[in-house]
Amino acid sequence: MIKLPFVMLSVATACCFQAQSGFAADVAPFKAVVTGSGPAMILIPGLASGGNVWDGTVAHFKDRYQCHVLTLAGFAGQPPMDGPFLEKVRDGIVKYIKDQKLDHPVIIGHSLGGMMAFWLAEKAPNDIGPVIAVDGLPFYSALMNPEATAESTAPMAETYRKMYAGSSAEEFVANNHKFLAMMITARADVDKVTSLGDKSDPKAVGQAFYDLMTTDLRPGLKSIKSPVLLIGSAPSDEAMKTTMQEAYATQIATVPHHKLVFAPTARHFIQLDDPKFFYQEVETYLKEHQN
């Protein structure tokens, strides 16, 4: 895919993208912070995370890429918007790419952002460049139950949506800290992620999680034109690791051009737990698939 020159940015600039229709009044589906120069790279955080989960990635790539770091509505202090959450984010990103005249941007998404990266590649196959999903899958619920469907998962997803909506700010923060302590190795990185994640709106997080659990992208994967790299994390137990690797491979089997690798030691936040491995895999893949 041919890359055209982009406007050089000597300093980081921040901008908020506001869709003109289809979203809750005066609420953007995300905030975008743009840093660096070169071909465009869009970085999408996971559930309830702020853009700071990509700070190291931006520092590593900003001299070669124009990094567009998103923070989704309702996450990390951004104003929430009405559901369906992820569909509006998807359409907002597609519009952003066209409005900003980004030429086949690299899409890197973590967790929920990884699922969104697959969805963007399905929705706008002619506008998206290489896709890198960081421990994010086309259908989250099938990882827990291979027989799951969007319909069968809906009751459980609704339970979670109500649970989040009914949580106080204090309850949300306490649960967020417990969850992230299991998903990230270093205490300093947990503190970094919670510093913004704690500001997320519980109701918005619940709606996003509902959408994540009930959106199955697998039927459309064969239409993806972008090369896709899925970087997974796997448990240390060998039997569980084998099962997990097979589940990941099965989910993306119909993507025409894909590669699956697993971080040897990292937990869910691979870009924080093992940045050297993460940067190496991303750079190698982009050199192979970006002209």
C-alpha atoms as a PDB file:
ATOM      1  CA  MET A   1       0.000   0.000   0.000  1.00  0.00           C
ATOM      2  CA  ILE A   2       1.429   3.359  -1.027  1.00  0.00           C
ATOM      3  CA  LYS A   3       2.051   5.847   1.796  1.00  0.00           C
ATOM      4  CA  LEU A   4       1.862   9.550   1.047  1.00  0.00           C
ATOM      5  CA  PRO A   5       3.691  12.212   3.064  1.00  0.00           C
ATOM      6  CA  PHE A   6       1.902  13.604   6.091  1.00  0.00           C
ATOM      7  CA  VAL A   7       2.038  17.028   7.669  1.00  0.00           C
ATOM      8  CA  MET A   8       5.099  17.239   9.903  1.00  0.00           C
ATOM      9  CA  LEU A   9       4.289  17.866  13.543  1.00  0.00           C
ATOM     10  CA  SER A  10       7.126  19.309  15.584  1.00  0.00           C
ATOM     11  CA  VAL A  11       5.190  19.135  18.835  1.00  0.00           C
ATOM     12  CA  ALA A  12       2.337  17.030  20.129  1.00  0.00           C
ATOM     13  CA  THR A  13      -1.063  18.439  19.274  1.00  0.00           C
ATOM     14  CA  ALA A  14      -4.421  17.425  20.674  1.00  0.00           C
ATOM     15  CA  CYS A  15      -7.756  17.513  18.945  1.00  0.00           C
ATOM     16  CA  CYS A  16     -11.230  16.270  19.681  1.00  0.00           C
ATOM     17  CA  PHE A  17     -13.163  14.657  16.826  1.00  0.00           C
ATOM     18  CA  GLN A  18     -16.904  15.294  16.899  1.00  0.00           C
ATOM     19  CA  ALA A  19     -19.101  13.367  14.487  1.00  0.00           C
ATOM     20  CA  GLN A  20     -21.768  15.475  12.864  1.00  0.00           C
ATOM     21  CA  SER A  21     -24.649  13.048  13.204  1.00  0.00           C
ATOM     22  CA  GLY A  22     -25.749   9.830  14.830  1.00  0.00           C
ATOM     23  CA  PHE A  23     -24.109  10.399  18.214  1.00  0.00           C
ATOM     24  CA  ALA A  24     -25.401  11.792  21.491  1.00  0.00           C
ATOM     25  CA  ALA A  25     -25.623  15.572  21.212  1.00  0.00           C
ATOM     26  CA  ASP A  26     -22.310  17.353  21.725  1.00  0.00           C
ATOM     27  CA  VAL A  27     -20.468  14.167  22.700  1.00  0.00           C
ATOM     28  CA  ALA A  28     -17.629  12.859  20.546  1.00  0.00           C
ATOM     29  CA  PRO A  29     -17.089   9.096  20.272  1.00  0.00           C
ATOM     30  CA  PHE A  30     -13.462   9.646  21.253  1.00  0.00           C
ATOM     31  CA  LYS A  31     -10.700  12.160  21.823  1.00  0.00           C
ATOM     32  CA  ALA A  32      -7.629  11.955  19.592  1.00  0.00           C
ATOM     33  CA  VAL A  33      -4.165  13.155  20.589  1.00  0.00           C
ATOM     34  CA  VAL A  34      -1.726  13.402  17.675  1.00  0.00           C
ATOM     35  CA  THR A  35       2.048  13.161  18.152  1.00  0.00           C
ATOM     36  CA  GLY A  36       4.957  12.762  15.745  1.00  0.00           C
ATOM     37  CA  SER A  37       5.317  12.634  11.970  1.00  0.00           C
ATOM     38  CA  GLY A  38       5.196  10.102   9.170  1.00  0.00           C
ATOM     39  CA  PRO A  39       2.583   7.570   8.063  1.00  0.00           C
ATOM     40  CA  ALA A  40      -0.473   7.518  10.315  1.00  0.00           C
ATOM     41  CA  MET A  41      -0.825   5.048  13.175  1.00  0.00           C
ATOM     42  CA  ILE A  42      -4.072   4.919  15.170  1.00  0.00           C
ATOM     43  CA  LEU A  43      -3.804   3.468  18.687  1.00  0.00           C
ATOM     44  CA  ILE A  44      -6.953   2.312  20.482  1.00  0.00           C
ATOM     45  CA  PRO A  45      -6.944   1.443  24.207  1.00  0.00           C
ATOM     46  CA  GLY A  46      -9.000  -1.270  25.863  1.00  0.00           C
ATOM     47  CA  LEU A  47     -11.956  -1.226  28.231  1.00  0.00           C
ATOM     48  CA  ALA A  48     -11.912   1.758  30.619  1.00  0.00           C
ATOM     49  CA  SER A  49      -8.316   2.608  29.669  1.00  0.00           C
ATOM     50  CA  GLY A  50      -6.930   5.993  28.799  1.00  0.00           C
ATOM     51  CA  GLY A  51      -4.539   6.831  26.009  1.00  0.00           C
ATOM     52  CA  ASN A  52      -1.590   6.625  28.424  1.00  0.00           C
ATOM     53  CA  VAL A  53      -1.436   2.846  27.912  1.00  0.00           C
ATOM     54  CA  TRP A  54       0.298   3.783  24.636  1.00  0.00           C
ATOM     55  CA  ASP A  55       2.813   6.297  26.066  1.00  0.00           C
ATOM     56  CA  GLY A  56       5.773   3.977  25.556  1.00  0.00           C
ATOM     57  CA  THR A  57       4.569   2.984  22.088  1.00  0.00           C
ATOM     58  CA  VAL A  58       4.244   6.620  21.044  1.00  0.00           C
ATOM     59  CA  ALA A  59       7.709   7.432  22.395  1.00  0.00           C
ATOM     60  CA  HIS A  60       9.118   4.528  20.398  1.00  0.00           C
ATOM     61  CA  PHE A  61       7.387   5.255  17.085  1.00  0.00           C
ATOM     62  CA  LYS A  62       6.765   9.027  16.988  1.00  0.00           C
ATOM     63  CA  ASP A  63       9.914   9.773  14.993  1.00  0.00           C
ATOM     64  CA  ARG A  64       8.651   7.486  12.201  1.00  0.00           C
ATOM     65  CA  TYR A  65       4.862   7.602  12.533  1.00  0.00           C
ATOM     66  CA  GLN A  66       2.176  10.168  13.169  1.00  0.00           C
ATOM     67  CA  CYS A  67       0.547   8.594  16.224  1.00  0.00           C
ATOM     68  CA  HIS A  68      -3.168   9.201  16.762  1.00  0.00           C
ATOM     69  CA  VAL A  69      -3.941   8.022  20.296  1.00  0.00           C
ATOM     70  CA  LEU A  70      -7.657   7.659  21.053  1.00  0.00           C
ATOM     71  CA  THR A  71      -9.483   7.788  24.365  1.00  0.00           C
ATOM     72  CA  LEU A  72     -13.024   6.519  23.952  1.00  0.00           C
ATOM     73  CA  ALA A  73     -16.129   8.321  25.203  1.00  0.00           C
ATOM     74  CA  GLY A  74     -16.860   7.605  28.863  1.00  0.00           C
ATOM     75  CA  PHE A  75     -13.350   6.263  29.499  1.00  0.00           C
ATOM     76  CA  ALA A  76     -10.597   7.973  31.498  1.00  0.00           C
ATOM     77  CA  GLY A  77     -12.616  11.120  32.175  1.00  0.00           C
ATOM     78  CA  GLN A  78     -14.036  11.631  28.674  1.00  0.00           C
ATOM     79  CA  PRO A  79     -17.755  12.532  28.512  1.00  0.00           C
ATOM     80  CA  PRO A  80     -19.951   9.440  28.016  1.00  0.00           C
ATOM     81  CA  MET A  81     -22.358   8.993  25.117  1.00  0.00           C
ATOM     82  CA  ASP A  82     -25.466   6.910  24.571  1.00  0.00           C
ATOM     83  CA  GLY A  83     -25.224   3.314  23.260  1.00  0.00           C
ATOM     84  CA  PRO A  84     -24.755   1.294  21.141  1.00  0.00           C
ATOM     85  CA  PHE A  85     -21.276   2.245  22.167  1.00  0.00           C
ATOM     86  CA  LEU A  86     -18.850   0.329  19.978  1.00  0.00           C
ATOM     87  CA  GLU A  87     -20.772   0.791  16.749  1.00  0.00           C
ATOM     88  CA  LYS A  88     -20.594   4.563  17.190  1.00  0.00           C
ATOM     89  CA  VAL A  89     -16.885   4.399  17.965  1.00  0.00           C
ATOM     90  CA  ARG A  90     -16.315   2.284  14.840  1.00  0.00           C
ATOM     91  CA  ASP A  91     -18.204   4.709  12.612  1.00  0.00           C
ATOM     92  CA  GLY A  92     -16.483   7.653  14.274  1.00  0.00           C
ATOM     93  CA  ILE A  93     -13.025   6.264  13.551  1.00  0.00           C
ATOM     94  CA  VAL A  94     -13.906   5.577   9.913  1.00  0.00           C
ATOM     95  CA  LYS A  95     -15.136   9.172   9.598  1.00  0.00           C
ATOM     96  CA  TYR A  96     -12.017  10.459  11.346  1.00  0.00           C
ATOM     97  CA  ILE A  97      -9.774   8.617   8.869  1.00  0.00           C
ATOM     98  CA  LYS A  98     -11.629  10.191   5.953  1.00  0.00           C
ATOM     99  CA  ASP A  99     -11.896  13.681   7.476  1.00  0.00           C
ATOM    100  CA  GLN A 100      -8.202  13.745   8.394  1.00  0.00           C
ATOM    101  CA  LYS A 101      -7.293  12.257   4.986  1.00  0.00           C
ATOM    102  CA  LEU A 102      -5.234   9.489   6.566  1.00  0.00           C
ATOM    103  CA  ASP A 103      -3.780   7.165   3.941  1.00  0.00           C
ATOM    104  CA  HIS A 104      -4.315   3.531   5.007  1.00  0.00           C
ATOM    105  CA  PRO A 105      -3.338   4.131   8.645  1.00  0.00           C
ATOM    106  CA  VAL A 106      -1.838   1.376  10.745  1.00  0.00           C
ATOM    107  CA  ILE A 107      -4.427   0.319  13.341  1.00  0.00           C
ATOM    108  CA  ILE A 108      -3.151  -0.939  16.698  1.00  0.00           C
ATOM    109  CA  GLY A 109      -5.729  -1.870  19.318  1.00  0.00           C
ATOM    110  CA  HIS A 110      -5.435  -3.436  22.743  1.00  0.00           C
ATOM    111  CA  SER A 111      -8.115  -5.771  24.136  1.00  0.00           C
ATOM    112  CA  LEU A 112     -11.421  -4.079  23.293  1.00  0.00           C
ATOM    113  CA  GLY A 113      -9.361  -1.876  20.985  1.00  0.00           C
ATOM    114  CA  GLY A 114      -8.072  -5.025  19.297  1.00  0.00           C
ATOM    115  CA  MET A 115     -11.627  -6.144  18.615  1.00  0.00           C
ATOM    116  CA  MET A 116     -12.285  -2.651  17.225  1.00  0.00           C
ATOM    117  CA  ALA A 117      -9.262  -3.005  14.926  1.00  0.00           C
ATOM    118  CA  PHE A 118     -10.809  -6.124  13.387  1.00  0.00           C
ATOM    119  CA  TRP A 119     -14.136  -4.310  13.005  1.00  0.00           C
ATOM    120  CA  LEU A 120     -12.549  -1.343  11.266  1.00  0.00           C
ATOM    121  CA  ALA A 121     -10.823  -3.678   8.824  1.00  0.00           C
ATOM    122  CA  GLU A 122     -14.198  -5.260   8.050  1.00  0.00           C
ATOM    123  CA  LYS A 123     -16.112  -1.993   7.839  1.00  0.00           C
ATOM    124  CA  ALA A 124     -13.616  -0.044   5.719  1.00  0.00           C
ATOM    125  CA  PRO A 125     -11.404  -2.646   3.990  1.00  0.00           C
ATOM    126  CA  ASN A 126     -10.189  -0.181   1.363  1.00  0.00           C
ATOM    127  CA  ASP A 127      -9.200   2.510   3.872  1.00  0.00           C
ATOM    128  CA  ILE A 128      -7.298   0.559   6.521  1.00  0.00           C
ATOM    129  CA  GLY A 129      -3.622  -0.385   6.513  1.00  0.00           C
ATOM    130  CA  PRO A 130      -1.949  -3.124   8.554  1.00  0.00           C
ATOM    131  CA  VAL A 131      -3.886  -4.186  11.651  1.00  0.00           C
ATOM    132  CA  ILE A 132      -2.250  -5.204  14.923  1.00  0.00           C
ATOM    133  CA  ALA A 133      -4.529  -6.592  17.629  1.00  0.00           C
ATOM    134  CA  VAL A 134      -2.928  -6.806  21.062  1.00  0.00           C
ATOM    135  CA  ASP A 135      -4.733  -9.552  22.961  1.00  0.00           C
ATOM    136  CA  GLY A 136      -8.034  -8.563  21.348  1.00  0.00           C
ATOM    137  CA  LEU A 137     -10.274 -10.949  19.422  1.00  0.00           C
ATOM    138  CA  PRO A 138     -13.143 -10.879  16.910  1.00  0.00           C
ATOM    139  CA  PHE A 139     -15.541 -12.458  19.443  1.00  0.00           C
ATOM    140  CA  TYR A 140     -14.564 -12.145  23.083  1.00  0.00           C
ATOM    141  CA  SER A 141     -17.301 -14.438  24.386  1.00  0.00           C
ATOM    142  CA  ALA A 142     -16.121 -17.417  22.323  1.00  0.00           C
ATOM    143  CA  LEU A 143     -12.862 -17.354  24.248  1.00  0.00           C
ATOM    144  CA  MET A 144     -14.788 -18.218  27.390  1.00  0.00           C
ATOM    145  CA  ASN A 145     -17.192 -20.603  25.643  1.00  0.00           C
ATOM    146  CA  PRO A 146     -16.427 -21.882  22.115  1.00  0.00           C
ATOM    147  CA  GLU A 147     -20.133 -22.581  21.579  1.00  0.00           C
ATOM    148  CA  ALA A 148     -21.200 -19.042  22.482  1.00  0.00           C
ATOM    149  CA  THR A 149     -23.200 -16.876  20.098  1.00  0.00           C
ATOM    150  CA  ALA A 150     -24.131 -13.217  20.337  1.00  0.00           C
ATOM    151  CA  GLU A 151     -27.670 -14.258  21.246  1.00  0.00           C
ATOM    152  CA  SER A 152     -26.714 -16.820  23.890  1.00  0.00           C
ATOM    153  CA  THR A 153     -24.324 -14.360  25.521  1.00  0.00           C
ATOM    154  CA  ALA A 154     -26.823 -11.497  25.731  1.00  0.00           C
ATOM    155  CA  PRO A 155     -28.350 -12.406  29.143  1.00  0.00           C
ATOM    156  CA  MET A 156     -24.939 -12.592  30.827  1.00  0.00           C
ATOM    157  CA  ALA A 157     -23.850  -9.405  29.072  1.00  0.00           C
ATOM    158  CA  GLU A 158     -26.965  -7.661  30.345  1.00  0.00           C
ATOM    159  CA  THR A 159     -26.131  -8.752  33.883  1.00  0.00           C
ATOM    160  CA  TYR A 160     -22.715  -7.171  33.588  1.00  0.00           C
ATOM    161  CA  ARG A 161     -24.159  -4.007  32.062  1.00  0.00           C
ATOM    162  CA  LYS A 162     -26.545  -3.609  35.012  1.00  0.00           C
ATOM    163  CA  MET A 163     -23.795  -4.416  37.493  1.00  0.00           C
ATOM    164  CA  TYR A 164     -21.556  -1.686  36.124  1.00  0.00           C
ATOM    165  CA  ALA A 165     -24.414   0.814  35.892  1.00  0.00           C
ATOM    166  CA  GLY A 166     -25.291   0.169  39.529  1.00  0.00           C
ATOM    167  CA  SER A 167     -21.735   0.580  40.805  1.00  0.00           C
ATOM    168  CA  SER A 168     -20.700   3.611  42.779  1.00  0.00           C
ATOM    169  CA  ALA A 169     -17.539   5.427  41.775  1.00  0.00           C
ATOM    170  CA  GLU A 170     -15.765   3.936  44.785  1.00  0.00           C
ATOM    171  CA  GLU A 171     -16.851   0.388  43.925  1.00  0.00           C
ATOM    172  CA  PHE A 172     -15.773   0.834  40.334  1.00  0.00           C
ATOM    173  CA  VAL A 173     -12.321   2.083  41.336  1.00  0.00           C
ATOM    174  CA  ALA A 174     -11.796  -0.767  43.807  1.00  0.00           C
ATOM    175  CA  ASN A 175     -12.776  -3.399  41.232  1.00  0.00           C
ATOM    176  CA  ASN A 176     -10.704  -1.724  38.535  1.00  0.00           C
ATOM    177  CA  HIS A 177      -7.593  -1.893  40.725  1.00  0.00           C
ATOM    178  CA  LYS A 178      -8.151  -5.585  41.519  1.00  0.00           C
ATOM    179  CA  PHE A 179      -8.691  -6.438  37.858  1.00  0.00           C
ATOM    180  CA  LEU A 180      -5.654  -4.559  36.581  1.00  0.00           C
ATOM    181  CA  ALA A 181      -3.400  -6.032  39.266  1.00  0.00           C
ATOM    182  CA  MET A 182      -4.097  -9.419  37.643  1.00  0.00           C
ATOM    183  CA  MET A 183      -3.648  -8.124  34.095  1.00  0.00           C
ATOM    184  CA  ILE A 184      -0.378  -6.168  34.530  1.00  0.00           C
ATOM    185  CA  THR A 185       2.864  -7.355  36.128  1.00  0.00           C
ATOM    186  CA  ALA A 186       4.554  -4.207  37.456  1.00  0.00           C
ATOM    187  CA  ARG A 187       2.914  -2.181  40.229  1.00  0.00           C
ATOM    188  CA  ALA A 188       4.079   1.070  38.619  1.00  0.00           C
ATOM    189  CA  ASP A 189       2.243   0.160  35.406  1.00  0.00           C
ATOM    190  CA  VAL A 190      -0.912  -0.697  37.355  1.00  0.00           C
ATOM    191  CA  ASP A 191      -0.740   2.734  38.962  1.00  0.00           C
ATOM    192  CA  LYS A 192      -0.204   4.350  35.573  1.00  0.00           C
ATOM    193  CA  VAL A 193      -3.249   2.701  34.000  1.00  0.00           C
ATOM    194  CA  THR A 194      -5.519   3.279  37.004  1.00  0.00           C
ATOM    195  CA  SER A 195      -4.523   6.963  37.184  1.00  0.00           C
ATOM    196  CA  LEU A 196      -6.804   7.551  34.192  1.00  0.00           C
ATOM    197  CA  GLY A 197      -8.922   4.409  34.150  1.00  0.00           C
ATOM    198  CA  ASP A 198     -10.372   5.238  37.568  1.00  0.00           C
ATOM    199  CA  LYS A 199     -11.983   8.294  35.990  1.00  0.00           C
ATOM    200  CA  SER A 200     -14.095   6.166  33.642  1.00  0.00           C
ATOM    201  CA  ASP A 201     -17.877   6.296  33.844  1.00  0.00           C
ATOM    202  CA  PRO A 202     -19.153   2.931  35.183  1.00  0.00           C
ATOM    203  CA  LYS A 203     -22.292   3.014  33.050  1.00  0.00           C
ATOM    204  CA  ALA A 204     -20.268   3.683  29.884  1.00  0.00           C
ATOM    205  CA  VAL A 205     -17.890   0.847  30.741  1.00  0.00           C
ATOM    206  CA  GLY A 206     -20.854  -1.468  31.259  1.00  0.00           C
ATOM    207  CA  GLN A 207     -22.347  -0.540  27.889  1.00  0.00           C
ATOM    208  CA  ALA A 208     -18.998  -1.058  26.164  1.00  0.00           C
ATOM    209  CA  PHE A 209     -18.563  -4.448  27.821  1.00  0.00           C
ATOM    210  CA  TYR A 210     -22.088  -5.449  26.782  1.00  0.00           C
ATOM    211  CA  ASP A 211     -21.305  -4.538  23.178  1.00  0.00           C
ATOM    212  CA  LEU A 212     -17.986  -6.378  23.347  1.00  0.00           C
ATOM    213  CA  MET A 213     -19.624  -9.555  24.628  1.00  0.00           C
ATOM    214  CA  THR A 214     -22.451  -9.532  22.083  1.00  0.00           C
ATOM    215  CA  THR A 215     -20.577  -8.522  18.911  1.00  0.00           C
ATOM    216  CA  ASP A 216     -19.352 -11.452  16.810  1.00  0.00           C
ATOM    217  CA  LEU A 217     -17.114 -10.324  13.962  1.00  0.00           C
ATOM    218  CA  ARG A 218     -16.091 -13.798  12.798  1.00  0.00           C
ATOM    219  CA  PRO A 219     -18.553 -14.032   9.861  1.00  0.00           C
ATOM    220  CA  GLY A 220     -17.000 -10.961   8.211  1.00  0.00           C
ATOM    221  CA  LEU A 221     -13.325 -11.739   8.726  1.00  0.00           C
ATOM    222  CA  LYS A 222     -12.922 -13.190   5.226  1.00  0.00           C
ATOM    223  CA  SER A 223     -13.633  -9.737   3.762  1.00  0.00           C
ATOM    224  CA  ILE A 224     -10.611  -8.165   5.448  1.00  0.00           C
ATOM    225  CA  LYS A 225      -7.991  -6.945   2.983  1.00  0.00           C
ATOM    226  CA  SER A 226      -5.454  -5.729   5.526  1.00  0.00           C
ATOM    227  CA  PRO A 227      -2.649  -7.912   6.818  1.00  0.00           C
ATOM    228  CA  VAL A 228      -3.445  -8.732  10.448  1.00  0.00           C
ATOM    229  CA  LEU A 229      -1.049  -9.473  13.294  1.00  0.00           C
ATOM    230  CA  LEU A 230      -2.586 -10.837  16.484  1.00  0.00           C
ATOM    231  CA  ILE A 231      -0.284 -10.722  19.508  1.00  0.00           C
ATOM    232  CA  GLY A 232      -1.647 -12.863  22.311  1.00  0.00           C
ATOM    233  CA  SER A 233      -0.836 -13.494  25.932  1.00  0.00           C
ATOM    234  CA  ALA A 234      -1.101 -17.019  27.274  1.00  0.00           C
ATOM    235  CA  PRO A 235      -1.072 -18.551  30.773  1.00  0.00           C
ATOM    236  CA  SER A 236       2.090 -20.240  32.022  1.00  0.00           C
ATOM    237  CA  ASP A 237       0.357 -23.590  32.475  1.00  0.00           C
ATOM    238  CA  GLU A 238       1.262 -25.601  29.369  1.00  0.00           C
ATOM    239  CA  ALA A 239      -2.104 -27.319  28.958  1.00  0.00           C
ATOM    240  CA  MET A 240      -3.988 -24.048  29.336  1.00  0.00           C
ATOM    241  CA  LYS A 241      -1.526 -22.328  27.014  1.00  0.00           C
ATOM    242  CA  THR A 242      -2.140 -24.882  24.270  1.00  0.00           C
ATOM    243  CA  THR A 243      -5.897 -24.502  24.628  1.00  0.00           C
ATOM    244  CA  MET A 244      -5.615 -20.714  24.510  1.00  0.00           C
ATOM    245  CA  GLN A 245      -3.376 -20.714  21.459  1.00  0.00           C
ATOM    246  CA  GLU A 246      -5.770 -23.010  19.613  1.00  0.00           C
ATOM    247  CA  ALA A 247      -8.703 -20.747  20.523  1.00  0.00           C
ATOM    248  CA  TYR A 248      -6.916 -17.664  19.190  1.00  0.00           C
ATOM    249  CA  ALA A 249      -5.907 -19.441  15.996  1.00  0.00           C
ATOM    250  CA  THR A 250      -9.458 -20.658  15.410  1.00  0.00           C
ATOM    251  CA  GLN A 251     -10.915 -17.164  15.787  1.00  0.00           C
ATOM    252  CA  ILE A 252      -8.755 -15.605  13.065  1.00  0.00           C
ATOM    253  CA  ALA A 253      -8.469 -18.615  10.748  1.00  0.00           C
ATOM    254  CA  THR A 254     -10.564 -17.007   8.001  1.00  0.00           C
ATOM    255  CA  VAL A 255      -8.621 -13.725   7.882  1.00  0.00           C
ATOM    256  CA  PRO A 256      -6.952 -13.954   4.438  1.00  0.00           C
ATOM    257  CA  HIS A 257      -3.560 -12.568   5.522  1.00  0.00           C
ATOM    258  CA  HIS A 258      -2.771 -13.065   9.188  1.00  0.00           C
ATOM    259  CA  LYS A 259      -0.058 -13.977  11.652  1.00  0.00           C
ATOM    260  CA  LEU A 260      -0.429 -15.096  15.268  1.00  0.00           C
ATOM    261  CA  VAL A 261       2.323 -14.756  17.867  1.00  0.00           C
ATOM    262  CA  PHE A 262       2.299 -15.059  21.639  1.00  0.00           C
ATOM    263  CA  ALA A 263       4.253 -13.033  24.158  1.00  0.00           C
ATOM    264  CA  PRO A 264       6.404 -15.457  26.160  1.00  0.00           C
ATOM    265  CA  THR A 265       5.944 -13.878  29.592  1.00  0.00           C
ATOM    266  CA  ALA A 266       3.605 -10.886  29.370  1.00  0.00           C
ATOM    267  CA  ARG A 267       0.171 -10.658  30.885  1.00  0.00           C
ATOM    268  CA  HIS A 268      -2.787  -8.982  29.141  1.00  0.00           C
ATOM    269  CA  PHE A 269      -1.152  -5.533  28.779  1.00  0.00           C
ATOM    270  CA  ILE A 270       1.628  -6.834  26.530  1.00  0.00           C
ATOM    271  CA  GLN A 271       2.811  -3.380  25.472  1.00  0.00           C
ATOM    272  CA  LEU A 272       3.536  -2.582  29.133  1.00  0.00           C
ATOM    273  CA  ASP A 273       4.723  -5.970  30.386  1.00  0.00           C
ATOM    274  CA  ASP A 274       7.158  -6.722  27.565  1.00  0.00           C
ATOM    275  CA  PRO A 275       7.660  -3.597  25.445  1.00  0.00           C
ATOM    276  CA  LYS A 276      10.864  -4.889  23.822  1.00  0.00           C
ATOM    277  CA  PHE A 277       9.057  -7.953  22.475  1.00  0.00           C
ATOM    278  CA  PHE A 278       6.041  -5.853  21.468  1.00  0.00           C
ATOM    279  CA  TYR A 279       8.028  -3.227  19.568  1.00  0.00           C
ATOM    280  CA  GLN A 280      10.085  -5.882  17.787  1.00  0.00           C
ATOM    281  CA  GLU A 281       6.994  -7.786  16.616  1.00  0.00           C
ATOM    282  CA  VAL A 282       5.257  -4.608  15.453  1.00  0.00           C
ATOM    283  CA  GLU A 283       8.302  -3.261  13.629  1.00  0.00           C
ATOM    284  CA  THR A 284       9.012  -6.565  11.912  1.00  0.00           C
ATOM    285  CA  TYR A 285       5.414  -6.898  10.766  1.00  0.00           C
ATOM    286  CA  LEU A 286       5.186  -3.354   9.479  1.00  0.00           C
ATOM    287  CA  LYS A 287       8.438  -3.688   7.529  1.00  0.00           C
ATOM    288  CA  GLU A 288       7.002  -6.786   5.848  1.00  0.00           C
ATOM    289  CA  HIS A 289       3.565  -5.366   5.077  1.00  0.00           C
ATOM    290  CA  GLN A 290       3.856  -1.594   4.722  1.00  0.00           C
ATOM    291  CA  ASN A 291       5.303  -0.025   1.581  1.00  0.00           C
END
